[in-house]
Amino acid sequence: MDSGANNSEDSLESANSATENSEELADRLISRLKPHDNASILKMIANKAYFSGGLGTIILVFWWLTVDTSNDDLDAGVSTFFYLDFSQVALTVIGLGLLSALLRDFSRELGKLAPALISGALIILCCLYVLEPLALGFFTEEIESSDGIWRTVRLALLWLGITYCAHLLVDASLLAWLKKFCDSKGFTIDPLNSRDESSGGSLMDDL
């Protein structure tokens, strides 16, 4: 009987701790993203997802027009990292940049160590791929220096674009969680103009 009571108390404490962590996350999201009220969250989710999808499409079109179908000699300036040609490097930068940004943003909000470590490693790989054409252009004869600069510029634009796209996607996902959490717990979000007065406390009220 004592063991059963202890297990019940442990389960209750775990549930309370999980609820407190969820409420803290909700407060952080409200403070950072600044929704006006519960209803405005839906509009924010739609806008961020809309711009994320549009930007992702622009990035792929930019890659297709300026990298995959351009006049670059893909056999020249092959990367020393896994021997990828320029088109493959561009796709790799897009993929690594997307994954790195997703892991970094989720780690920031959830307070997880491992995603941040992986994100840091992926950022280093992206930097190497982006700067490599510049180094090849200036310090080797594989490609011209102007070609190296132009390749680095395109890779940097792809990296920056996909990073912002991932940021919008994470925000939309977190707002969707916030909406679901507030609805399930019966919380209302304080009006935006009254949050500065309660910045040290909860930004939500029970219904």
N, C-alpha and C. Protein backbone atom coordinates (compact mmCIF):
# COMPACT_ATOMS: atom_id res chain seq x y z
N MET A 1 0.83 -1.20 0.00
CA MET A 1 0.00 0.00 0.00
C MET A 1 0.87 1.25 0.00
N ASP A 2 1.96 1.20 0.78
CA ASP A 2 2.87 2.34 0.81
C ASP A 2 3.48 2.57 -0.56
N SER A 3 3.86 1.45 -1.24
CA SER A 3 4.46 1.57 -2.56
C SER A 3 3.47 2.19 -3.55
N GLY A 4 2.21 1.76 -3.47
CA GLY A 4 1.19 2.31 -4.36
C GLY A 4 0.98 3.79 -4.12
N ALA A 5 0.98 4.18 -2.85
CA ALA A 5 0.80 5.61 -2.52
C ALA A 5 1.98 6.43 -3.02
N ASN A 6 3.20 5.89 -2.88
CA ASN A 6 4.38 6.62 -3.36
C ASN A 6 4.35 6.78 -4.87
N ASN A 7 3.95 5.71 -5.58
CA ASN A 7 3.87 5.80 -7.04
C ASN A 7 2.84 6.83 -7.46
N SER A 8 1.71 6.88 -6.73
CA SER A 8 0.67 7.85 -7.05
C SER A 8 1.17 9.27 -6.83
N GLU A 9 1.92 9.48 -5.75
CA GLU A 9 2.46 10.81 -5.47
C GLU A 9 3.49 11.22 -6.52
N ASP A 10 4.34 10.25 -6.94
CA ASP A 10 5.33 10.54 -7.97
C ASP A 10 4.66 10.91 -9.29
N SER A 11 3.59 10.18 -9.63
CA SER A 11 2.89 10.48 -10.87
C SER A 11 2.25 11.86 -10.82
N LEU A 12 1.69 12.20 -9.65
CA LEU A 12 1.06 13.52 -9.50
C LEU A 12 2.10 14.63 -9.61
N GLU A 13 3.28 14.40 -8.98
CA GLU A 13 4.33 15.41 -9.05
C GLU A 13 4.84 15.57 -10.48
N SER A 14 4.95 14.46 -11.21
CA SER A 14 5.41 14.53 -12.60
C SER A 14 4.40 15.29 -13.46
N ALA A 15 3.12 15.03 -13.22
CA ALA A 15 2.08 15.72 -13.99
C ALA A 15 2.09 17.21 -13.69
N ASN A 16 2.25 17.56 -12.40
CA ASN A 16 2.30 18.98 -12.03
C ASN A 16 3.51 19.67 -12.63
N SER A 17 4.66 18.96 -12.62
CA SER A 17 5.88 19.53 -13.20
C SER A 17 5.73 19.76 -14.71
N ALA A 18 5.11 18.79 -15.39
CA ALA A 18 4.90 18.93 -16.83
C ALA A 18 3.97 20.10 -17.14
N THR A 19 2.94 20.26 -16.31
CA THR A 19 2.01 21.37 -16.51
C THR A 19 2.70 22.71 -16.29
N GLU A 20 3.54 22.78 -15.25
CA GLU A 20 4.27 24.02 -14.98
C GLU A 20 5.22 24.36 -16.13
N ASN A 21 5.90 23.34 -16.65
CA ASN A 21 6.82 23.57 -17.77
C ASN A 21 6.06 24.06 -19.01
N SER A 22 4.87 23.49 -19.24
CA SER A 22 4.07 23.90 -20.38
C SER A 22 3.60 25.34 -20.22
N GLU A 23 3.20 25.70 -18.99
CA GLU A 23 2.76 27.07 -18.74
C GLU A 23 3.92 28.06 -18.92
N GLU A 24 5.12 27.68 -18.48
CA GLU A 24 6.28 28.55 -18.66
C GLU A 24 6.60 28.73 -20.15
N LEU A 25 6.50 27.64 -20.91
CA LEU A 25 6.74 27.74 -22.35
C LEU A 25 5.69 28.64 -23.00
N ALA A 26 4.44 28.47 -22.59
CA ALA A 26 3.38 29.31 -23.15
C ALA A 26 3.63 30.78 -22.84
N ASP A 27 4.05 31.08 -21.61
CA ASP A 27 4.36 32.47 -21.25
C ASP A 27 5.50 33.03 -22.11
N ARG A 28 6.54 32.21 -22.34
CA ARG A 28 7.67 32.67 -23.16
C ARG A 28 7.22 32.95 -24.59
N LEU A 29 6.39 32.08 -25.13
CA LEU A 29 5.91 32.27 -26.50
C LEU A 29 5.06 33.52 -26.62
N ILE A 30 4.20 33.74 -25.63
CA ILE A 30 3.35 34.94 -25.66
C ILE A 30 4.20 36.19 -25.57
N SER A 31 5.22 36.15 -24.70
CA SER A 31 6.09 37.31 -24.52
C SER A 31 6.90 37.60 -25.78
N ARG A 32 7.35 36.56 -26.50
CA ARG A 32 8.20 36.77 -27.68
C ARG A 32 7.39 37.05 -28.93
N LEU A 33 6.32 36.30 -29.16
CA LEU A 33 5.56 36.42 -30.40
C LEU A 33 4.45 37.48 -30.32
N LYS A 34 4.04 37.84 -29.11
CA LYS A 34 3.10 38.93 -28.86
C LYS A 34 1.77 38.80 -29.62
N PRO A 35 1.04 37.70 -29.44
CA PRO A 35 -0.31 37.65 -30.01
C PRO A 35 -1.24 38.61 -29.26
N HIS A 36 -2.17 39.23 -29.97
CA HIS A 36 -3.07 40.20 -29.34
C HIS A 36 -4.05 39.50 -28.38
N ASP A 37 -4.54 38.33 -28.79
CA ASP A 37 -5.47 37.57 -27.96
C ASP A 37 -5.52 36.15 -28.52
N ASN A 38 -6.42 35.33 -27.96
CA ASN A 38 -6.50 33.94 -28.41
C ASN A 38 -6.88 33.83 -29.88
N ALA A 39 -7.82 34.68 -30.32
CA ALA A 39 -8.30 34.59 -31.70
C ALA A 39 -7.22 34.99 -32.70
N SER A 40 -6.35 35.91 -32.31
CA SER A 40 -5.32 36.38 -33.26
C SER A 40 -4.26 35.33 -33.54
N ILE A 41 -4.17 34.30 -32.70
CA ILE A 41 -3.16 33.26 -32.92
C ILE A 41 -3.40 32.55 -34.25
N LEU A 42 -4.66 32.32 -34.59
CA LEU A 42 -4.97 31.62 -35.84
C LEU A 42 -4.46 32.42 -37.05
N LYS A 43 -4.64 33.73 -37.02
CA LYS A 43 -4.16 34.57 -38.11
C LYS A 43 -2.64 34.55 -38.18
N MET A 44 -1.98 34.57 -37.02
CA MET A 44 -0.53 34.54 -36.99
C MET A 44 0.00 33.22 -37.54
N ILE A 45 -0.65 32.12 -37.18
CA ILE A 45 -0.23 30.81 -37.70
C ILE A 45 -0.33 30.79 -39.23
N ALA A 46 -1.47 31.28 -39.75
CA ALA A 46 -1.68 31.27 -41.20
C ALA A 46 -0.65 32.15 -41.91
N ASN A 47 -0.38 33.34 -41.35
CA ASN A 47 0.56 34.26 -42.00
C ASN A 47 1.97 33.69 -42.03
N LYS A 48 2.42 33.16 -40.89
CA LYS A 48 3.78 32.64 -40.83
C LYS A 48 3.95 31.40 -41.71
N ALA A 49 2.95 30.52 -41.71
CA ALA A 49 3.02 29.35 -42.58
C ALA A 49 2.97 29.75 -44.05
N TYR A 50 2.16 30.77 -44.36
CA TYR A 50 2.04 31.26 -45.74
C TYR A 50 3.37 31.80 -46.24
N PHE A 51 4.01 32.67 -45.45
CA PHE A 51 5.29 33.25 -45.87
C PHE A 51 6.41 32.20 -45.87
N SER A 52 6.34 31.24 -44.95
CA SER A 52 7.34 30.18 -44.93
C SER A 52 7.27 29.34 -46.20
N GLY A 53 6.06 28.97 -46.58
CA GLY A 53 5.89 28.19 -47.80
C GLY A 53 6.29 28.96 -49.04
N GLY A 54 5.93 30.25 -49.10
CA GLY A 54 6.30 31.07 -50.24
C GLY A 54 7.80 31.26 -50.35
N LEU A 55 8.44 31.52 -49.22
CA LEU A 55 9.89 31.71 -49.24
C LEU A 55 10.61 30.42 -49.61
N GLY A 56 10.11 29.29 -49.11
CA GLY A 56 10.72 28.01 -49.48
C GLY A 56 10.65 27.75 -50.97
N THR A 57 9.52 28.11 -51.58
CA THR A 57 9.37 27.95 -53.03
C THR A 57 10.33 28.87 -53.79
N ILE A 58 10.46 30.12 -53.33
CA ILE A 58 11.39 31.06 -53.96
C ILE A 58 12.82 30.53 -53.90
N ILE A 59 13.19 29.95 -52.77
CA ILE A 59 14.54 29.42 -52.62
C ILE A 59 14.80 28.30 -53.62
N LEU A 60 13.83 27.39 -53.78
CA LEU A 60 14.01 26.29 -54.73
C LEU A 60 14.07 26.80 -56.16
N VAL A 61 13.24 27.79 -56.49
CA VAL A 61 13.28 28.38 -57.83
C VAL A 61 14.62 29.07 -58.06
N PHE A 62 15.11 29.79 -57.05
CA PHE A 62 16.41 30.46 -57.15
C PHE A 62 17.52 29.44 -57.39
N TRP A 63 17.46 28.32 -56.67
CA TRP A 63 18.47 27.26 -56.88
C TRP A 63 18.37 26.72 -58.30
N TRP A 64 17.16 26.50 -58.77
CA TRP A 64 16.98 25.90 -60.09
C TRP A 64 17.47 26.83 -61.20
N LEU A 65 17.18 28.15 -61.08
CA LEU A 65 17.52 29.09 -62.13
C LEU A 65 18.99 29.50 -62.11
N THR A 66 19.55 29.68 -60.91
CA THR A 66 20.91 30.24 -60.82
C THR A 66 21.98 29.20 -60.54
N VAL A 67 21.57 27.98 -60.22
CA VAL A 67 22.57 26.95 -59.92
C VAL A 67 22.42 25.76 -60.86
N ASP A 68 21.28 25.11 -60.84
CA ASP A 68 21.12 23.86 -61.57
C ASP A 68 21.09 24.06 -63.08
N THR A 69 20.48 25.16 -63.55
CA THR A 69 20.38 25.38 -64.99
C THR A 69 21.26 26.54 -65.46
N SER A 70 22.22 26.95 -64.64
CA SER A 70 23.10 28.05 -65.02
C SER A 70 24.23 27.53 -65.90
N ASN A 71 25.10 28.44 -66.29
CA ASN A 71 26.22 28.09 -67.17
C ASN A 71 27.46 27.66 -66.41
N ASP A 72 27.32 27.39 -65.12
CA ASP A 72 28.48 26.94 -64.33
C ASP A 72 28.99 25.60 -64.83
N ASP A 73 30.30 25.48 -64.84
CA ASP A 73 30.92 24.19 -65.13
C ASP A 73 30.95 23.39 -63.83
N LEU A 74 30.00 22.46 -63.68
CA LEU A 74 29.87 21.73 -62.43
C LEU A 74 31.04 20.80 -62.17
N ASP A 75 31.79 20.47 -63.22
CA ASP A 75 32.96 19.61 -63.02
C ASP A 75 34.15 20.38 -62.44
N ALA A 76 34.06 21.71 -62.45
CA ALA A 76 35.15 22.54 -61.90
C ALA A 76 34.79 22.96 -60.48
N GLY A 77 35.81 22.99 -59.63
CA GLY A 77 35.59 23.43 -58.26
C GLY A 77 34.77 22.46 -57.43
N VAL A 78 34.98 21.16 -57.64
CA VAL A 78 34.27 20.15 -56.84
C VAL A 78 34.72 20.26 -55.39
N SER A 79 33.75 20.16 -54.48
CA SER A 79 34.05 20.33 -53.06
C SER A 79 34.96 19.22 -52.55
N THR A 80 35.87 19.59 -51.68
CA THR A 80 36.71 18.59 -51.03
C THR A 80 35.97 17.84 -49.93
N PHE A 81 34.81 18.34 -49.53
CA PHE A 81 33.99 17.67 -48.52
C PHE A 81 32.98 16.78 -49.22
N PHE A 82 33.27 15.49 -49.27
CA PHE A 82 32.41 14.46 -49.88
C PHE A 82 32.34 14.58 -51.40
N TYR A 83 33.22 15.40 -52.01
CA TYR A 83 33.35 15.46 -53.46
C TYR A 83 32.02 15.76 -54.17
N LEU A 84 31.33 16.79 -53.70
CA LEU A 84 30.06 17.20 -54.29
C LEU A 84 30.31 18.30 -55.32
N ASP A 85 29.54 18.27 -56.43
CA ASP A 85 29.64 19.39 -57.37
C ASP A 85 28.84 20.57 -56.84
N PHE A 86 28.88 21.70 -57.56
CA PHE A 86 28.30 22.93 -57.03
C PHE A 86 26.80 22.81 -56.82
N SER A 87 26.09 22.16 -57.73
CA SER A 87 24.65 21.99 -57.58
C SER A 87 24.32 21.15 -56.35
N GLN A 88 25.08 20.09 -56.14
CA GLN A 88 24.87 19.25 -54.96
C GLN A 88 25.23 19.99 -53.68
N VAL A 89 26.28 20.83 -53.75
CA VAL A 89 26.64 21.63 -52.58
C VAL A 89 25.51 22.58 -52.21
N ALA A 90 24.91 23.20 -53.23
CA ALA A 90 23.81 24.13 -52.97
C ALA A 90 22.64 23.42 -52.29
N LEU A 91 22.28 22.24 -52.77
CA LEU A 91 21.21 21.47 -52.13
C LEU A 91 21.59 21.05 -50.71
N THR A 92 22.85 20.71 -50.52
CA THR A 92 23.32 20.33 -49.19
C THR A 92 23.23 21.51 -48.23
N VAL A 93 23.61 22.70 -48.69
CA VAL A 93 23.51 23.90 -47.85
C VAL A 93 22.05 24.17 -47.48
N ILE A 94 21.15 24.00 -48.44
CA ILE A 94 19.73 24.19 -48.15
C ILE A 94 19.27 23.21 -47.08
N GLY A 95 19.62 21.93 -47.25
CA GLY A 95 19.19 20.92 -46.28
C GLY A 95 19.80 21.12 -44.91
N LEU A 96 21.11 21.34 -44.87
CA LEU A 96 21.78 21.53 -43.58
C LEU A 96 21.33 22.81 -42.90
N GLY A 97 21.15 23.87 -43.69
CA GLY A 97 20.68 25.14 -43.12
C GLY A 97 19.30 25.02 -42.54
N LEU A 98 18.41 24.30 -43.23
CA LEU A 98 17.05 24.10 -42.73
C LEU A 98 17.07 23.31 -41.43
N LEU A 99 17.80 22.19 -41.41
CA LEU A 99 17.85 21.36 -40.22
C LEU A 99 18.49 22.10 -39.05
N SER A 100 19.57 22.83 -39.32
CA SER A 100 20.25 23.57 -38.27
C SER A 100 19.34 24.62 -37.64
N ALA A 101 18.63 25.37 -38.49
CA ALA A 101 17.75 26.42 -37.98
C ALA A 101 16.59 25.83 -37.18
N LEU A 102 16.03 24.73 -37.65
CA LEU A 102 14.94 24.08 -36.91
C LEU A 102 15.41 23.62 -35.54
N LEU A 103 16.56 22.96 -35.50
CA LEU A 103 17.08 22.46 -34.23
C LEU A 103 17.42 23.61 -33.28
N ARG A 104 18.00 24.68 -33.82
CA ARG A 104 18.39 25.81 -32.96
C ARG A 104 17.17 26.49 -32.36
N ASP A 105 16.14 26.72 -33.17
CA ASP A 105 14.95 27.41 -32.66
C ASP A 105 14.19 26.56 -31.65
N PHE A 106 14.06 25.27 -31.94
CA PHE A 106 13.37 24.40 -30.98
C PHE A 106 14.19 24.26 -29.70
N SER A 107 15.51 24.20 -29.81
CA SER A 107 16.35 24.12 -28.62
C SER A 107 16.20 25.37 -27.76
N ARG A 108 16.12 26.52 -28.40
CA ARG A 108 15.98 27.79 -27.67
C ARG A 108 14.68 27.81 -26.88
N GLU A 109 13.58 27.34 -27.46
CA GLU A 109 12.30 27.41 -26.78
C GLU A 109 12.12 26.29 -25.76
N LEU A 110 12.63 25.10 -26.07
CA LEU A 110 12.41 23.94 -25.20
C LEU A 110 13.54 23.72 -24.20
N GLY A 111 14.66 24.44 -24.38
CA GLY A 111 15.76 24.31 -23.44
C GLY A 111 16.46 22.97 -23.50
N LYS A 112 16.60 22.40 -24.70
CA LYS A 112 17.26 21.11 -24.88
C LYS A 112 18.71 21.31 -25.33
N LEU A 113 19.60 20.48 -24.80
CA LEU A 113 21.03 20.62 -25.09
C LEU A 113 21.42 19.98 -26.42
N ALA A 114 20.99 18.74 -26.65
CA ALA A 114 21.43 17.99 -27.82
C ALA A 114 21.10 18.68 -29.15
N PRO A 115 19.87 19.19 -29.35
CA PRO A 115 19.60 19.87 -30.62
C PRO A 115 20.50 21.06 -30.87
N ALA A 116 20.84 21.81 -29.82
CA ALA A 116 21.73 22.96 -29.98
C ALA A 116 23.13 22.52 -30.39
N LEU A 117 23.63 21.41 -29.82
CA LEU A 117 24.94 20.90 -30.19
C LEU A 117 24.97 20.48 -31.66
N ILE A 118 23.93 19.76 -32.09
CA ILE A 118 23.86 19.32 -33.48
C ILE A 118 23.75 20.52 -34.41
N SER A 119 22.94 21.51 -34.01
CA SER A 119 22.79 22.71 -34.82
C SER A 119 24.12 23.43 -35.00
N GLY A 120 24.91 23.53 -33.93
CA GLY A 120 26.20 24.18 -34.04
C GLY A 120 27.13 23.47 -35.00
N ALA A 121 27.12 22.14 -34.97
CA ALA A 121 27.96 21.37 -35.90
C ALA A 121 27.51 21.57 -37.34
N LEU A 122 26.20 21.62 -37.58
CA LEU A 122 25.69 21.80 -38.93
C LEU A 122 26.01 23.19 -39.46
N ILE A 123 26.00 24.20 -38.57
CA ILE A 123 26.34 25.56 -38.99
C ILE A 123 27.78 25.62 -39.49
N ILE A 124 28.68 24.92 -38.79
CA ILE A 124 30.08 24.89 -39.22
C ILE A 124 30.20 24.27 -40.61
N LEU A 125 29.47 23.19 -40.85
CA LEU A 125 29.50 22.56 -42.17
C LEU A 125 28.98 23.52 -43.24
N CYS A 126 27.90 24.24 -42.92
CA CYS A 126 27.36 25.21 -43.87
C CYS A 126 28.39 26.29 -44.18
N CYS A 127 29.06 26.79 -43.15
CA CYS A 127 30.09 27.82 -43.35
C CYS A 127 31.20 27.31 -44.27
N LEU A 128 31.63 26.07 -44.06
CA LEU A 128 32.68 25.50 -44.91
C LEU A 128 32.25 25.42 -46.37
N TYR A 129 31.01 24.95 -46.59
CA TYR A 129 30.53 24.83 -47.96
C TYR A 129 30.36 26.20 -48.62
N VAL A 130 29.87 27.19 -47.85
CA VAL A 130 29.63 28.52 -48.42
C VAL A 130 30.94 29.23 -48.76
N LEU A 131 31.93 29.12 -47.90
CA LEU A 131 33.19 29.84 -48.10
C LEU A 131 34.19 29.09 -48.99
N GLU A 132 33.96 27.81 -49.21
CA GLU A 132 34.91 27.02 -49.99
C GLU A 132 35.10 27.54 -51.42
N PRO A 133 34.03 27.90 -52.16
CA PRO A 133 34.26 28.42 -53.52
C PRO A 133 35.12 29.69 -53.53
N LEU A 134 34.94 30.53 -52.52
CA LEU A 134 35.75 31.75 -52.42
C LEU A 134 37.24 31.40 -52.27
N ALA A 135 37.52 30.42 -51.42
CA ALA A 135 38.91 29.99 -51.23
C ALA A 135 39.47 29.35 -52.49
N LEU A 136 38.64 28.55 -53.17
CA LEU A 136 39.11 27.91 -54.40
C LEU A 136 39.40 28.95 -55.49
N GLY A 137 38.59 30.00 -55.53
CA GLY A 137 38.78 31.01 -56.55
C GLY A 137 40.03 31.85 -56.34
N PHE A 138 40.38 32.12 -55.08
CA PHE A 138 41.51 32.99 -54.80
C PHE A 138 42.83 32.24 -54.61
N PHE A 139 42.76 31.00 -54.16
CA PHE A 139 43.99 30.30 -53.79
C PHE A 139 44.31 29.09 -54.67
N THR A 140 43.44 28.78 -55.61
CA THR A 140 43.72 27.68 -56.54
C THR A 140 43.40 28.13 -57.96
N GLU A 141 43.67 27.26 -58.90
CA GLU A 141 43.36 27.56 -60.30
C GLU A 141 42.18 26.73 -60.80
N GLU A 142 41.44 26.11 -59.90
CA GLU A 142 40.30 25.29 -60.32
C GLU A 142 39.19 26.13 -60.92
N ILE A 143 38.92 27.30 -60.33
CA ILE A 143 37.91 28.22 -60.85
C ILE A 143 38.45 29.64 -60.77
N GLU A 144 37.85 30.55 -61.55
CA GLU A 144 38.23 31.95 -61.49
C GLU A 144 37.76 32.58 -60.18
N SER A 145 38.47 33.63 -59.76
CA SER A 145 38.09 34.30 -58.52
C SER A 145 36.68 34.89 -58.60
N SER A 146 36.30 35.42 -59.76
CA SER A 146 34.95 35.97 -59.92
C SER A 146 33.89 34.88 -59.80
N ASP A 147 34.20 33.69 -60.36
CA ASP A 147 33.26 32.57 -60.22
C ASP A 147 33.15 32.13 -58.76
N GLY A 148 34.28 32.14 -58.05
CA GLY A 148 34.24 31.78 -56.64
C GLY A 148 33.40 32.74 -55.83
N ILE A 149 33.53 34.04 -56.11
CA ILE A 149 32.72 35.04 -55.39
C ILE A 149 31.24 34.84 -55.69
N TRP A 150 30.89 34.64 -56.97
CA TRP A 150 29.50 34.48 -57.36
C TRP A 150 28.91 33.20 -56.76
N ARG A 151 29.68 32.15 -56.71
CA ARG A 151 29.18 30.92 -56.09
C ARG A 151 28.93 31.12 -54.59
N THR A 152 29.86 31.78 -53.92
CA THR A 152 29.69 32.02 -52.49
C THR A 152 28.49 32.90 -52.21
N VAL A 153 28.27 33.91 -53.05
CA VAL A 153 27.11 34.79 -52.88
C VAL A 153 25.81 34.00 -53.00
N ARG A 154 25.72 33.14 -54.00
CA ARG A 154 24.50 32.34 -54.19
C ARG A 154 24.29 31.38 -53.01
N LEU A 155 25.34 30.74 -52.57
CA LEU A 155 25.20 29.82 -51.43
C LEU A 155 24.79 30.57 -50.17
N ALA A 156 25.35 31.77 -49.96
CA ALA A 156 25.00 32.55 -48.78
C ALA A 156 23.53 32.97 -48.82
N LEU A 157 23.05 33.37 -50.01
CA LEU A 157 21.64 33.75 -50.13
C LEU A 157 20.73 32.56 -49.86
N LEU A 158 21.09 31.40 -50.38
CA LEU A 158 20.29 30.20 -50.11
C LEU A 158 20.27 29.87 -48.63
N TRP A 159 21.41 30.00 -47.98
CA TRP A 159 21.51 29.69 -46.55
C TRP A 159 20.68 30.67 -45.71
N LEU A 160 20.82 31.96 -45.99
CA LEU A 160 20.06 32.96 -45.23
C LEU A 160 18.56 32.80 -45.46
N GLY A 161 18.19 32.54 -46.71
CA GLY A 161 16.77 32.39 -47.02
C GLY A 161 16.15 31.19 -46.33
N ILE A 162 16.82 30.05 -46.37
CA ILE A 162 16.26 28.85 -45.75
C ILE A 162 16.25 28.96 -44.24
N THR A 163 17.21 29.71 -43.67
CA THR A 163 17.22 29.93 -42.23
C THR A 163 16.00 30.72 -41.78
N TYR A 164 15.68 31.79 -42.51
CA TYR A 164 14.51 32.59 -42.16
C TYR A 164 13.23 31.79 -42.41
N CYS A 165 13.21 30.99 -43.47
CA CYS A 165 12.06 30.12 -43.76
C CYS A 165 11.82 29.16 -42.60
N ALA A 166 12.89 28.56 -42.08
CA ALA A 166 12.77 27.63 -40.96
C ALA A 166 12.29 28.36 -39.71
N HIS A 167 12.77 29.60 -39.50
CA HIS A 167 12.34 30.38 -38.35
C HIS A 167 10.84 30.62 -38.38
N LEU A 168 10.31 30.98 -39.54
CA LEU A 168 8.87 31.18 -39.67
C LEU A 168 8.11 29.87 -39.44
N LEU A 169 8.64 28.77 -39.93
CA LEU A 169 7.99 27.48 -39.76
C LEU A 169 7.94 27.07 -38.30
N VAL A 170 9.03 27.29 -37.57
CA VAL A 170 9.06 26.96 -36.14
C VAL A 170 8.06 27.83 -35.38
N ASP A 171 8.03 29.12 -35.69
CA ASP A 171 7.07 30.01 -35.02
C ASP A 171 5.64 29.57 -35.27
N ALA A 172 5.33 29.18 -36.51
CA ALA A 172 3.98 28.71 -36.82
C ALA A 172 3.65 27.44 -36.04
N SER A 173 4.61 26.53 -35.93
CA SER A 173 4.39 25.28 -35.19
C SER A 173 4.18 25.56 -33.70
N LEU A 174 4.98 26.46 -33.13
CA LEU A 174 4.85 26.79 -31.72
C LEU A 174 3.55 27.54 -31.44
N LEU A 175 3.12 28.38 -32.36
CA LEU A 175 1.84 29.06 -32.18
C LEU A 175 0.68 28.07 -32.25
N ALA A 176 0.81 27.07 -33.12
CA ALA A 176 -0.23 26.03 -33.17
C ALA A 176 -0.30 25.28 -31.85
N TRP A 177 0.88 24.98 -31.26
CA TRP A 177 0.88 24.33 -29.94
C TRP A 177 0.28 25.24 -28.89
N LEU A 178 0.62 26.54 -28.92
CA LEU A 178 0.09 27.49 -27.95
C LEU A 178 -1.43 27.58 -28.03
N LYS A 179 -1.96 27.61 -29.23
CA LYS A 179 -3.42 27.66 -29.41
C LYS A 179 -4.07 26.41 -28.82
N LYS A 180 -3.50 25.26 -29.12
CA LYS A 180 -4.05 23.99 -28.59
C LYS A 180 -3.95 23.94 -27.08
N PHE A 181 -2.82 24.41 -26.52
CA PHE A 181 -2.63 24.39 -25.07
C PHE A 181 -3.63 25.31 -24.37
N CYS A 182 -3.78 26.51 -24.88
CA CYS A 182 -4.71 27.45 -24.25
C CYS A 182 -6.15 26.94 -24.32
N ASP A 183 -6.53 26.34 -25.45
CA ASP A 183 -7.89 25.82 -25.59
C ASP A 183 -8.13 24.65 -24.64
N SER A 184 -7.13 23.77 -24.50
CA SER A 184 -7.32 22.59 -23.65
C SER A 184 -7.33 22.94 -22.17
N LYS A 185 -6.57 23.97 -21.78
CA LYS A 185 -6.50 24.35 -20.37
C LYS A 185 -7.47 25.47 -19.99
N GLY A 186 -8.13 26.03 -20.98
CA GLY A 186 -9.07 27.10 -20.70
C GLY A 186 -8.41 28.42 -20.33
N PHE A 187 -7.25 28.70 -20.93
CA PHE A 187 -6.53 29.94 -20.64
C PHE A 187 -6.88 31.01 -21.68
N THR A 188 -6.97 32.24 -21.23
CA THR A 188 -7.10 33.38 -22.13
C THR A 188 -5.84 34.22 -22.05
N ILE A 189 -5.44 34.78 -23.16
CA ILE A 189 -4.24 35.60 -23.22
C ILE A 189 -4.60 37.03 -22.85
N ASP A 190 -3.84 37.60 -21.94
CA ASP A 190 -4.07 38.98 -21.53
C ASP A 190 -3.94 39.92 -22.72
N PRO A 191 -4.71 41.02 -22.73
CA PRO A 191 -4.57 42.00 -23.82
C PRO A 191 -3.14 42.51 -23.92
N LEU A 192 -2.73 42.84 -25.14
CA LEU A 192 -1.33 43.21 -25.39
C LEU A 192 -0.92 44.45 -24.60
N ASN A 193 -1.83 45.43 -24.44
CA ASN A 193 -1.46 46.66 -23.77
C ASN A 193 -1.36 46.53 -22.26
N SER A 194 -1.79 45.40 -21.71
CA SER A 194 -1.72 45.21 -20.26
C SER A 194 -0.62 44.26 -19.82
N ARG A 195 0.18 43.76 -20.80
CA ARG A 195 1.18 42.76 -20.44
C ARG A 195 2.42 43.38 -19.81
N ASP A 196 2.72 44.62 -20.16
CA ASP A 196 3.90 45.26 -19.57
C ASP A 196 3.75 45.40 -18.06
N GLU A 197 2.52 45.58 -17.60
CA GLU A 197 2.29 45.73 -16.17
C GLU A 197 2.47 44.41 -15.43
N SER A 198 2.27 43.28 -16.13
CA SER A 198 2.38 41.96 -15.50
C SER A 198 3.53 41.17 -16.09
N SER A 199 4.58 41.88 -16.52
CA SER A 199 5.70 41.19 -17.18
C SER A 199 6.41 40.22 -16.27
N GLY A 200 6.30 40.40 -14.97
CA GLY A 200 6.96 39.49 -14.05
C GLY A 200 6.13 38.28 -13.69
N GLY A 201 4.90 38.23 -14.15
CA GLY A 201 4.02 37.11 -13.82
C GLY A 201 3.48 36.43 -15.04
N SER A 202 2.40 35.68 -14.85
CA SER A 202 1.81 34.95 -15.97
C SER A 202 1.11 35.91 -16.91
N LEU A 203 1.17 35.60 -18.20
CA LEU A 203 0.52 36.41 -19.21
C LEU A 203 -0.81 35.81 -19.63
N MET A 204 -1.27 34.80 -18.87
CA MET A 204 -2.51 34.13 -19.18
C MET A 204 -3.42 34.13 -17.96
N ASP A 205 -4.73 34.08 -18.21
CA ASP A 205 -5.72 33.96 -17.14
C ASP A 205 -6.60 32.75 -17.41
N ASP A 206 -7.11 32.14 -16.34
CA ASP A 206 -8.07 31.06 -16.50
C ASP A 206 -9.39 31.62 -16.98
N LEU A 207 -10.08 30.84 -17.82
CA LEU A 207 -11.42 31.24 -18.25
C LEU A 207 -12.40 31.12 -17.08
